[in-house]
Full PDB file with SEQRES, HELIX, SHEET, SSBOND, CRYST1, ORIGX, SCALE, CONECT and MASTER records, all heavy atoms in Angstrom:
SEQRES   1 A   37  TYR LEU GLU ASP PHE LEU ALA GLU LEU GLU SER ILE PRO          
SEQRES   2 A   37  ALA LEU ALA SER SER GLY LEU ASN LEU GLY LYS VAL PRO          
SEQRES   3 A   37  TYR GLN LEU ARG GLY SER TRP ASP ILE ALA LYS                  
HELIX    1 AA1 LEU A    2  ALA A    7  1                                   6    
HELIX    2 AA2 PRO A   13  ALA A   16  5                                   4    
HELIX    3 AA3 PRO A   26  GLN A   28  5                                   3    
CRYST1    1.000    1.000    1.000  90.00  90.00  90.00 P 1           1          
ORIGX1      1.000000  0.000000  0.000000        0.00000                         
ORIGX2      0.000000  1.000000  0.000000        0.00000                         
ORIGX3      0.000000  0.000000  1.000000        0.00000                         
SCALE1      1.000000  0.000000  0.000000        0.00000                         
SCALE2      0.000000  1.000000  0.000000        0.00000                         
SCALE3      0.000000  0.000000  1.000000        0.00000                         
ATOM      1  N   TYR A   1      18.725   0.842   2.800  1.00  0.00           N  
ATOM      2  CA  TYR A   1      20.161   0.558   2.825  1.00  0.00           C  
ATOM      3  C   TYR A   1      20.736   0.486   1.414  1.00  0.00           C  
ATOM      4  O   TYR A   1      21.873   0.892   1.169  1.00  0.00           O  
ATOM      5  CB  TYR A   1      20.434  -0.758   3.547  1.00  0.00           C  
ATOM      6  CG  TYR A   1      20.312  -0.670   5.044  1.00  0.00           C  
ATOM      7  CD1 TYR A   1      19.669  -1.671   5.756  1.00  0.00           C  
ATOM      8  CD2 TYR A   1      20.830   0.412   5.755  1.00  0.00           C  
ATOM      9  CE1 TYR A   1      19.548  -1.602   7.139  1.00  0.00           C  
ATOM     10  CE2 TYR A   1      20.710   0.489   7.127  1.00  0.00           C  
ATOM     11  CZ  TYR A   1      20.074  -0.519   7.819  1.00  0.00           C  
ATOM     12  OH  TYR A   1      19.951  -0.447   9.182  1.00  0.00           O  
ATOM     13  N   LEU A   2      19.928  -0.047   0.492  1.00  0.00           N  
ATOM     14  CA  LEU A   2      20.395  -0.190  -0.884  1.00  0.00           C  
ATOM     15  C   LEU A   2      20.747   1.167  -1.481  1.00  0.00           C  
ATOM     16  O   LEU A   2      21.721   1.296  -2.232  1.00  0.00           O  
ATOM     17  CB  LEU A   2      19.315  -0.878  -1.723  1.00  0.00           C  
ATOM     18  CG  LEU A   2      19.730  -1.406  -3.093  1.00  0.00           C  
ATOM     19  CD1 LEU A   2      20.893  -2.367  -2.964  1.00  0.00           C  
ATOM     20  CD2 LEU A   2      18.556  -2.092  -3.779  1.00  0.00           C  
ATOM     21  N   GLU A   3      19.990   2.195  -1.131  1.00  0.00           N  
ATOM     22  CA  GLU A   3      20.300   3.539  -1.621  1.00  0.00           C  
ATOM     23  C   GLU A   3      21.655   4.011  -1.119  1.00  0.00           C  
ATOM     24  O   GLU A   3      22.424   4.632  -1.865  1.00  0.00           O  
ATOM     25  CB  GLU A   3      19.198   4.503  -1.177  1.00  0.00           C  
ATOM     26  CG  GLU A   3      17.847   4.236  -1.836  1.00  0.00           C  
ATOM     27  CD  GLU A   3      16.760   5.131  -1.276  1.00  0.00           C  
ATOM     28  OE1 GLU A   3      17.063   5.935  -0.362  1.00  0.00           O  
ATOM     29  OE2 GLU A   3      15.609   5.041  -1.747  1.00  0.00           O  
ATOM     30  N   ASP A   4      21.980   3.706   0.151  1.00  0.00           N  
ATOM     31  CA  ASP A   4      23.288   4.079   0.690  1.00  0.00           C  
ATOM     32  C   ASP A   4      24.404   3.324  -0.020  1.00  0.00           C  
ATOM     33  O   ASP A   4      25.471   3.881  -0.298  1.00  0.00           O  
ATOM     34  CB  ASP A   4      23.350   3.794   2.194  1.00  0.00           C  
ATOM     35  CG  ASP A   4      22.474   4.741   2.998  1.00  0.00           C  
ATOM     36  OD1 ASP A   4      22.199   5.847   2.495  1.00  0.00           O  
ATOM     37  OD2 ASP A   4      22.072   4.380   4.114  1.00  0.00           O  
ATOM     38  N   PHE A   5      24.169   2.042  -0.313  1.00  0.00           N  
ATOM     39  CA  PHE A   5      25.175   1.237  -1.003  1.00  0.00           C  
ATOM     40  C   PHE A   5      25.453   1.806  -2.394  1.00  0.00           C  
ATOM     41  O   PHE A   5      26.605   1.959  -2.798  1.00  0.00           O  
ATOM     42  CB  PHE A   5      24.702  -0.216  -1.120  1.00  0.00           C  
ATOM     43  CG  PHE A   5      25.019  -1.053   0.088  1.00  0.00           C  
ATOM     44  CD1 PHE A   5      24.482  -0.753   1.325  1.00  0.00           C  
ATOM     45  CD2 PHE A   5      25.854  -2.144  -0.010  1.00  0.00           C  
ATOM     46  CE1 PHE A   5      24.759  -1.516   2.440  1.00  0.00           C  
ATOM     47  CE2 PHE A   5      26.150  -2.923   1.099  1.00  0.00           C  
ATOM     48  CZ  PHE A   5      25.603  -2.618   2.330  1.00  0.00           C  
ATOM     49  N   LEU A   6      24.393   2.123  -3.128  1.00  0.00           N  
ATOM     50  CA  LEU A   6      24.551   2.626  -4.498  1.00  0.00           C  
ATOM     51  C   LEU A   6      25.286   3.963  -4.514  1.00  0.00           C  
ATOM     52  O   LEU A   6      26.060   4.247  -5.434  1.00  0.00           O  
ATOM     53  CB  LEU A   6      23.181   2.767  -5.168  1.00  0.00           C  
ATOM     54  CG  LEU A   6      22.447   1.455  -5.462  1.00  0.00           C  
ATOM     55  CD1 LEU A   6      21.048   1.731  -5.990  1.00  0.00           C  
ATOM     56  CD2 LEU A   6      23.233   0.615  -6.455  1.00  0.00           C  
ATOM     57  N   ALA A   7      25.076   4.778  -3.488  1.00  0.00           N  
ATOM     58  CA  ALA A   7      25.725   6.098  -3.437  1.00  0.00           C  
ATOM     59  C   ALA A   7      27.226   5.995  -3.192  1.00  0.00           C  
ATOM     60  O   ALA A   7      27.960   6.948  -3.477  1.00  0.00           O  
ATOM     61  CB  ALA A   7      25.077   6.953  -2.342  1.00  0.00           C  
ATOM     62  N   GLU A   8      27.694   4.847  -2.684  1.00  0.00           N  
ATOM     63  CA  GLU A   8      29.110   4.715  -2.336  1.00  0.00           C  
ATOM     64  C   GLU A   8      29.852   3.708  -3.209  1.00  0.00           C  
ATOM     65  O   GLU A   8      30.965   3.304  -2.875  1.00  0.00           O  
ATOM     66  CB  GLU A   8      29.248   4.308  -0.860  1.00  0.00           C  
ATOM     67  CG  GLU A   8      28.700   5.313   0.121  1.00  0.00           C  
ATOM     68  CD  GLU A   8      29.431   6.649   0.061  1.00  0.00           C  
ATOM     69  OE1 GLU A   8      30.601   6.666  -0.397  1.00  0.00           O  
ATOM     70  OE2 GLU A   8      28.829   7.667   0.451  1.00  0.00           O  
ATOM     71  N   LEU A   9      29.263   3.301  -4.328  1.00  0.00           N  
ATOM     72  CA  LEU A   9      29.909   2.295  -5.177  1.00  0.00           C  
ATOM     73  C   LEU A   9      31.257   2.777  -5.699  1.00  0.00           C  
ATOM     74  O   LEU A   9      32.196   1.992  -5.848  1.00  0.00           O  
ATOM     75  CB  LEU A   9      28.995   1.933  -6.349  1.00  0.00           C  
ATOM     76  CG  LEU A   9      27.724   1.146  -6.017  1.00  0.00           C  
ATOM     77  CD1 LEU A   9      26.977   0.791  -7.288  1.00  0.00           C  
ATOM     78  CD2 LEU A   9      28.050  -0.113  -5.226  1.00  0.00           C  
ATOM     79  N   GLU A  10      31.378   4.057  -6.006  1.00  0.00           N  
ATOM     80  CA  GLU A  10      32.614   4.568  -6.579  1.00  0.00           C  
ATOM     81  C   GLU A  10      33.715   4.679  -5.526  1.00  0.00           C  
ATOM     82  O   GLU A  10      34.870   4.337  -5.787  1.00  0.00           O  
ATOM     83  CB  GLU A  10      32.377   5.933  -7.225  1.00  0.00           C  
ATOM     84  CG  GLU A  10      33.605   6.475  -7.936  1.00  0.00           C  
ATOM     85  CD  GLU A  10      33.310   7.760  -8.687  1.00  0.00           C  
ATOM     86  OE1 GLU A  10      32.119   8.107  -8.824  1.00  0.00           O  
ATOM     87  OE2 GLU A  10      34.267   8.404  -9.142  1.00  0.00           O  
ATOM     88  N   SER A  11      33.368   5.145  -4.333  1.00  0.00           N  
ATOM     89  CA  SER A  11      34.387   5.337  -3.302  1.00  0.00           C  
ATOM     90  C   SER A  11      34.723   4.037  -2.566  1.00  0.00           C  
ATOM     91  O   SER A  11      35.792   3.903  -1.987  1.00  0.00           O  
ATOM     92  CB  SER A  11      33.930   6.396  -2.295  1.00  0.00           C  
ATOM     93  OG  SER A  11      32.739   6.001  -1.642  1.00  0.00           O  
ATOM     94  N   ILE A  12      33.781   3.055  -2.574  1.00  0.00           N  
ATOM     95  CA  ILE A  12      34.029   1.765  -1.917  1.00  0.00           C  
ATOM     96  C   ILE A  12      33.737   0.665  -2.933  1.00  0.00           C  
ATOM     97  O   ILE A  12      32.635   0.090  -2.961  1.00  0.00           O  
ATOM     98  CB  ILE A  12      33.147   1.586  -0.664  1.00  0.00           C  
ATOM     99  CG1 ILE A  12      33.241   2.812   0.245  1.00  0.00           C  
ATOM    100  CG2 ILE A  12      33.573   0.332   0.113  1.00  0.00           C  
ATOM    101  CD1 ILE A  12      32.391   2.710   1.502  1.00  0.00           C  
ATOM    102  N   PRO A  13      34.712   0.334  -3.791  1.00  0.00           N  
ATOM    103  CA  PRO A  13      34.472  -0.650  -4.860  1.00  0.00           C  
ATOM    104  C   PRO A  13      34.020  -2.016  -4.353  1.00  0.00           C  
ATOM    105  O   PRO A  13      33.368  -2.751  -5.085  1.00  0.00           O  
ATOM    106  CB  PRO A  13      35.839  -0.748  -5.546  1.00  0.00           C  
ATOM    107  CG  PRO A  13      36.524   0.546  -5.230  1.00  0.00           C  
ATOM    108  CD  PRO A  13      36.054   0.929  -3.857  1.00  0.00           C  
ATOM    109  N   ALA A  14      34.344  -2.359  -3.117  1.00  0.00           N  
ATOM    110  CA  ALA A  14      33.948  -3.669  -2.591  1.00  0.00           C  
ATOM    111  C   ALA A  14      32.433  -3.831  -2.588  1.00  0.00           C  
ATOM    112  O   ALA A  14      31.918  -4.951  -2.686  1.00  0.00           O  
ATOM    113  CB  ALA A  14      34.496  -3.849  -1.171  1.00  0.00           C  
ATOM    114  N   LEU A  15      31.695  -2.712  -2.486  1.00  0.00           N  
ATOM    115  CA  LEU A  15      30.235  -2.787  -2.464  1.00  0.00           C  
ATOM    116  C   LEU A  15      29.666  -3.144  -3.831  1.00  0.00           C  
ATOM    117  O   LEU A  15      28.492  -3.477  -3.943  1.00  0.00           O  
ATOM    118  CB  LEU A  15      29.648  -1.451  -1.986  1.00  0.00           C  
ATOM    119  CG  LEU A  15      30.022  -1.006  -0.571  1.00  0.00           C  
ATOM    120  CD1 LEU A  15      29.361   0.323  -0.244  1.00  0.00           C  
ATOM    121  CD2 LEU A  15      29.631  -2.061   0.451  1.00  0.00           C  
ATOM    122  N   ALA A  16      30.490  -3.044  -4.867  1.00  0.00           N  
ATOM    123  CA  ALA A  16      30.028  -3.355  -6.222  1.00  0.00           C  
ATOM    124  C   ALA A  16      30.597  -4.681  -6.715  1.00  0.00           C  
ATOM    125  O   ALA A  16      30.484  -4.999  -7.895  1.00  0.00           O  
ATOM    126  CB  ALA A  16      30.427  -2.235  -7.180  1.00  0.00           C  
ATOM    127  N   SER A  17      31.205  -5.445  -5.822  1.00  0.00           N  
ATOM    128  CA  SER A  17      31.858  -6.682  -6.248  1.00  0.00           C  
ATOM    129  C   SER A  17      30.903  -7.864  -6.188  1.00  0.00           C  
ATOM    130  O   SER A  17      29.864  -7.824  -5.538  1.00  0.00           O  
ATOM    131  CB  SER A  17      33.066  -6.964  -5.350  1.00  0.00           C  
ATOM    132  OG  SER A  17      32.636  -7.410  -4.078  1.00  0.00           O  
ATOM    133  N   SER A  18      31.301  -8.942  -6.874  1.00  0.00           N  
ATOM    134  CA  SER A  18      30.503 -10.169  -6.859  1.00  0.00           C  
ATOM    135  C   SER A  18      30.630 -10.893  -5.527  1.00  0.00           C  
ATOM    136  O   SER A  18      29.887 -11.840  -5.267  1.00  0.00           O  
ATOM    137  CB  SER A  18      30.957 -11.096  -7.995  1.00  0.00           C  
ATOM    138  OG  SER A  18      32.336 -11.423  -7.847  1.00  0.00           O  
ATOM    139  N   GLY A  19      31.551 -10.460  -4.682  1.00  0.00           N  
ATOM    140  CA  GLY A  19      31.735 -11.104  -3.383  1.00  0.00           C  
ATOM    141  C   GLY A  19      30.786 -10.614  -2.321  1.00  0.00           C  
ATOM    142  O   GLY A  19      30.779 -11.130  -1.195  1.00  0.00           O  
ATOM    143  N   LEU A  20      29.955  -9.624  -2.644  1.00  0.00           N  
ATOM    144  CA  LEU A  20      29.020  -9.072  -1.663  1.00  0.00           C  
ATOM    145  C   LEU A  20      27.691  -9.815  -1.746  1.00  0.00           C  
ATOM    146  O   LEU A  20      27.026  -9.808  -2.780  1.00  0.00           O  
ATOM    147  CB  LEU A  20      28.808  -7.576  -1.911  1.00  0.00           C  
ATOM    148  CG  LEU A  20      27.910  -6.859  -0.899  1.00  0.00           C  
ATOM    149  CD1 LEU A  20      28.560  -6.851   0.479  1.00  0.00           C  
ATOM    150  CD2 LEU A  20      27.624  -5.429  -1.350  1.00  0.00           C  
ATOM    151  N   ASN A  21      27.300 -10.445  -0.652  1.00  0.00           N  
ATOM    152  CA  ASN A  21      26.052 -11.207  -0.607  1.00  0.00           C  
ATOM    153  C   ASN A  21      24.921 -10.314  -0.109  1.00  0.00           C  
ATOM    154  O   ASN A  21      24.879  -9.959   1.062  1.00  0.00           O  
ATOM    155  CB  ASN A  21      26.213 -12.420   0.318  1.00  0.00           C  
ATOM    156  CG  ASN A  21      24.929 -13.223   0.434  1.00  0.00           C  
ATOM    157  OD1 ASN A  21      24.012 -13.079  -0.372  1.00  0.00           O  
ATOM    158  ND2 ASN A  21      24.861 -14.068   1.448  1.00  0.00           N  
ATOM    159  N   LEU A  22      24.008  -9.965  -1.000  1.00  0.00           N  
ATOM    160  CA  LEU A  22      22.851  -9.138  -0.647  1.00  0.00           C  
ATOM    161  C   LEU A  22      21.602  -9.989  -0.421  1.00  0.00           C  
ATOM    162  O   LEU A  22      20.556  -9.452  -0.067  1.00  0.00           O  
ATOM    163  CB  LEU A  22      22.573  -8.106  -1.751  1.00  0.00           C  
ATOM    164  CG  LEU A  22      23.674  -7.071  -1.992  1.00  0.00           C  
ATOM    165  CD1 LEU A  22      23.282  -6.154  -3.136  1.00  0.00           C  
ATOM    166  CD2 LEU A  22      23.940  -6.267  -0.739  1.00  0.00           C  
ATOM    167  N   GLY A  23      21.705 -11.301  -0.600  1.00  0.00           N  
ATOM    168  CA  GLY A  23      20.568 -12.178  -0.391  1.00  0.00           C  
ATOM    169  C   GLY A  23      19.487 -11.966  -1.446  1.00  0.00           C  
ATOM    170  O   GLY A  23      19.492 -10.991  -2.187  1.00  0.00           O  
ATOM    171  N   LYS A  24      18.553 -12.904  -1.493  1.00  0.00           N  
ATOM    172  CA  LYS A  24      17.399 -12.772  -2.387  1.00  0.00           C  
ATOM    173  C   LYS A  24      16.151 -12.347  -1.637  1.00  0.00           C  
ATOM    174  O   LYS A  24      15.247 -11.752  -2.207  1.00  0.00           O  
ATOM    175  CB  LYS A  24      17.147 -14.101  -3.114  1.00  0.00           C  
ATOM    176  CG  LYS A  24      18.267 -14.499  -4.072  1.00  0.00           C  
ATOM    177  CD  LYS A  24      17.937 -15.793  -4.788  1.00  0.00           C  
ATOM    178  CE  LYS A  24      19.051 -16.178  -5.758  1.00  0.00           C  
ATOM    179  NZ  LYS A  24      18.753 -17.458  -6.469  1.00  0.00           N  
ATOM    180  N   VAL A  25      16.118 -12.672  -0.345  1.00  0.00           N  
ATOM    181  CA  VAL A  25      15.010 -12.271   0.522  1.00  0.00           C  
ATOM    182  C   VAL A  25      15.610 -11.774   1.838  1.00  0.00           C  
ATOM    183  O   VAL A  25      16.748 -12.097   2.175  1.00  0.00           O  
ATOM    184  CB  VAL A  25      14.044 -13.450   0.773  1.00  0.00           C  
ATOM    185  CG1 VAL A  25      13.280 -13.801  -0.481  1.00  0.00           C  
ATOM    186  CG2 VAL A  25      14.798 -14.663   1.280  1.00  0.00           C  
ATOM    187  N   PRO A  26      14.869 -10.959   2.611  1.00  0.00           N  
ATOM    188  CA  PRO A  26      15.422 -10.355   3.822  1.00  0.00           C  
ATOM    189  C   PRO A  26      16.016 -11.346   4.810  1.00  0.00           C  
ATOM    190  O   PRO A  26      17.060 -11.070   5.417  1.00  0.00           O  
ATOM    191  CB  PRO A  26      14.222  -9.616   4.429  1.00  0.00           C  
ATOM    192  CG  PRO A  26      13.369  -9.256   3.260  1.00  0.00           C  
ATOM    193  CD  PRO A  26      13.514 -10.418   2.332  1.00  0.00           C  
ATOM    194  N   TYR A  27      15.388 -12.523   4.983  1.00  0.00           N  
ATOM    195  CA  TYR A  27      15.864 -13.420   6.028  1.00  0.00           C  
ATOM    196  C   TYR A  27      17.198 -14.092   5.675  1.00  0.00           C  
ATOM    197  O   TYR A  27      17.782 -14.791   6.499  1.00  0.00           O  
ATOM    198  CB  TYR A  27      14.814 -14.478   6.372  1.00  0.00           C  
ATOM    199  CG  TYR A  27      14.454 -15.439   5.266  1.00  0.00           C  
ATOM    200  CD1 TYR A  27      15.285 -16.506   4.933  1.00  0.00           C  
ATOM    201  CD2 TYR A  27      13.260 -15.301   4.571  1.00  0.00           C  
ATOM    202  CE1 TYR A  27      14.954 -17.387   3.927  1.00  0.00           C  
ATOM    203  CE2 TYR A  27      12.914 -16.184   3.568  1.00  0.00           C  
ATOM    204  CZ  TYR A  27      13.762 -17.228   3.247  1.00  0.00           C  
ATOM    205  OH  TYR A  27      13.423 -18.097   2.248  1.00  0.00           O  
ATOM    206  N   GLN A  28      17.684 -13.897   4.444  1.00  0.00           N  
ATOM    207  CA  GLN A  28      18.977 -14.467   4.075  1.00  0.00           C  
ATOM    208  C   GLN A  28      20.141 -13.594   4.540  1.00  0.00           C  
ATOM    209  O   GLN A  28      21.299 -13.981   4.400  1.00  0.00           O  
ATOM    210  CB  GLN A  28      19.049 -14.664   2.557  1.00  0.00           C  
ATOM    211  CG  GLN A  28      18.166 -15.801   2.046  1.00  0.00           C  
ATOM    212  CD  GLN A  28      18.301 -16.012   0.553  1.00  0.00           C  
ATOM    213  OE1 GLN A  28      18.731 -15.124  -0.175  1.00  0.00           O  
ATOM    214  NE2 GLN A  28      17.935 -17.199   0.091  1.00  0.00           N  
ATOM    215  N   LEU A  29      19.846 -12.431   5.076  1.00  0.00           N  
ATOM    216  CA  LEU A  29      20.883 -11.541   5.582  1.00  0.00           C  
ATOM    217  C   LEU A  29      20.817 -11.511   7.096  1.00  0.00           C  
ATOM    218  O   LEU A  29      19.749 -11.540   7.695  1.00  0.00           O  
ATOM    219  CB  LEU A  29      20.707 -10.118   5.039  1.00  0.00           C  
ATOM    220  CG  LEU A  29      20.835  -9.953   3.518  1.00  0.00           C  
ATOM    221  CD1 LEU A  29      20.589  -8.503   3.131  1.00  0.00           C  
ATOM    222  CD2 LEU A  29      22.201 -10.396   3.038  1.00  0.00           C  
ATOM    223  N   ARG A  30      22.004 -11.434   7.705  1.00  0.00           N  
ATOM    224  CA  ARG A  30      22.038 -11.300   9.157  1.00  0.00           C  
ATOM    225  C   ARG A  30      21.385  -9.984   9.553  1.00  0.00           C  
ATOM    226  O   ARG A  30      21.477  -8.985   8.849  1.00  0.00           O  
ATOM    227  CB  ARG A  30      23.486 -11.311   9.662  1.00  0.00           C  
ATOM    228  CG  ARG A  30      24.165 -12.665   9.569  1.00  0.00           C  
ATOM    229  CD  ARG A  30      25.614 -12.555   9.959  1.00  0.00           C  
ATOM    230  NE  ARG A  30      25.781 -12.031  11.300  1.00  0.00           N  
ATOM    231  CZ  ARG A  30      25.865 -12.779  12.395  1.00  0.00           C  
ATOM    232  NH1 ARG A  30      25.798 -14.086  12.295  1.00  0.00           N  
ATOM    233  NH2 ARG A  30      26.018 -12.237  13.578  1.00  0.00           N  
ATOM    234  N   GLY A  31      20.731  -9.960  10.707  1.00  0.00           N  
ATOM    235  CA  GLY A  31      20.103  -8.734  11.177  1.00  0.00           C  
ATOM    236  C   GLY A  31      19.244  -9.006  12.386  1.00  0.00           C  
ATOM    237  O   GLY A  31      19.040 -10.146  12.789  1.00  0.00           O  
ATOM    238  N   SER A  32      18.745  -7.949  12.969  1.00  0.00           N  
ATOM    239  CA  SER A  32      17.903  -8.108  14.160  1.00  0.00           C  
ATOM    240  C   SER A  32      17.029  -6.883  14.329  1.00  0.00           C  
ATOM    241  O   SER A  32      17.330  -5.803  13.837  1.00  0.00           O  
ATOM    242  CB  SER A  32      18.778  -8.297  15.403  1.00  0.00           C  
ATOM    243  OG  SER A  32      19.596  -7.159  15.607  1.00  0.00           O  
ATOM    244  N   TRP A  33      15.922  -7.084  15.038  1.00  0.00           N  
ATOM    245  CA  TRP A  33      15.060  -5.957  15.379  1.00  0.00           C  
ATOM    246  C   TRP A  33      15.627  -5.271  16.610  1.00  0.00           C  
ATOM    247  O   TRP A  33      15.964  -5.910  17.596  1.00  0.00           O  
ATOM    248  CB  TRP A  33      13.642  -6.448  15.685  1.00  0.00           C  
ATOM    249  CG  TRP A  33      12.908  -6.876  14.463  1.00  0.00           C  
ATOM    250  CD1 TRP A  33      12.732  -8.145  14.016  1.00  0.00           C  
ATOM    251  CD2 TRP A  33      12.254  -6.035  13.519  1.00  0.00           C  
ATOM    252  NE1 TRP A  33      12.009  -8.151  12.852  1.00  0.00           N  
ATOM    253  CE2 TRP A  33      11.708  -6.868  12.527  1.00  0.00           C  
ATOM    254  CE3 TRP A  33      12.094  -4.654  13.405  1.00  0.00           C  
ATOM    255  CZ2 TRP A  33      11.000  -6.361  11.439  1.00  0.00           C  
ATOM    256  CZ3 TRP A  33      11.387  -4.166  12.322  1.00  0.00           C  
ATOM    257  CH2 TRP A  33      10.846  -5.004  11.352  1.00  0.00           C  
ATOM    258  N   ASP A  34      15.756  -3.969  16.553  1.00  0.00           N  
ATOM    259  CA  ASP A  34      16.325  -3.211  17.658  1.00  0.00           C  
ATOM    260  C   ASP A  34      15.383  -2.088  18.050  1.00  0.00           C  
ATOM    261  O   ASP A  34      14.750  -1.465  17.190  1.00  0.00           O  
ATOM    262  CB  ASP A  34      17.677  -2.593  17.283  1.00  0.00           C  
ATOM    263  CG  ASP A  34      18.692  -3.631  16.873  1.00  0.00           C  
ATOM    264  OD1 ASP A  34      18.803  -4.629  17.600  1.00  0.00           O  
ATOM    265  OD2 ASP A  34      19.363  -3.450  15.845  1.00  0.00           O  
ATOM    266  N   ILE A  35      15.305  -1.824  19.335  1.00  0.00           N  
ATOM    267  CA  ILE A  35      14.531  -0.684  19.802  1.00  0.00           C  
ATOM    268  C   ILE A  35      15.339   0.590  19.552  1.00  0.00           C  
ATOM    269  O   ILE A  35      16.522   0.641  19.794  1.00  0.00           O  
ATOM    270  CB  ILE A  35      14.238  -0.806  21.310  1.00  0.00           C  
ATOM    271  CG1 ILE A  35      13.467  -2.108  21.568  1.00  0.00           C  
ATOM    272  CG2 ILE A  35      13.439   0.378  21.808  1.00  0.00           C  
ATOM    273  CD1 ILE A  35      12.157  -2.196  20.835  1.00  0.00           C  
ATOM    274  N   ALA A  36      14.688   1.620  19.055  1.00  0.00           N  
ATOM    275  CA  ALA A  36      15.379   2.876  18.795  1.00  0.00           C  
ATOM    276  C   ALA A  36      14.587   4.020  19.414  1.00  0.00           C  
ATOM    277  O   ALA A  36      13.476   4.309  19.009  1.00  0.00           O  
ATOM    278  CB  ALA A  36      15.533   3.100  17.288  1.00  0.00           C  
ATOM    279  N   LYS A  37      15.158   4.639  20.405  1.00  0.00           N  
ATOM    280  CA  LYS A  37      14.483   5.730  21.097  1.00  0.00           C  
ATOM    281  C   LYS A  37      15.540   6.589  21.767  1.00  0.00           C  
ATOM    282  O   LYS A  37      16.612   6.124  22.121  1.00  0.00           O  
ATOM    283  CB  LYS A  37      13.479   5.191  22.138  1.00  0.00           C  
ATOM    284  CG  LYS A  37      12.521   6.257  22.693  1.00  0.00           C  
ATOM    285  CD  LYS A  37      11.476   5.594  23.563  1.00  0.00           C  
ATOM    286  CE  LYS A  37      10.601   6.633  24.248  1.00  0.00           C  
ATOM    287  NZ  LYS A  37       9.835   7.430  23.297  1.00  0.00           N  
TER     288      LYS A  37                                                      
MASTER        0    0    0    3    0    0    0    6  287    1    0    3          
END                                                                             
């Protein structure tokens, strides 16, 4: 995901702001395991 974020920093400045919480470890970000098929 970080690669996608870095690729869009210029077109979406909000992704490069100090207001974006990327967490320090995975469990600090909301998310869930999903089945994909």
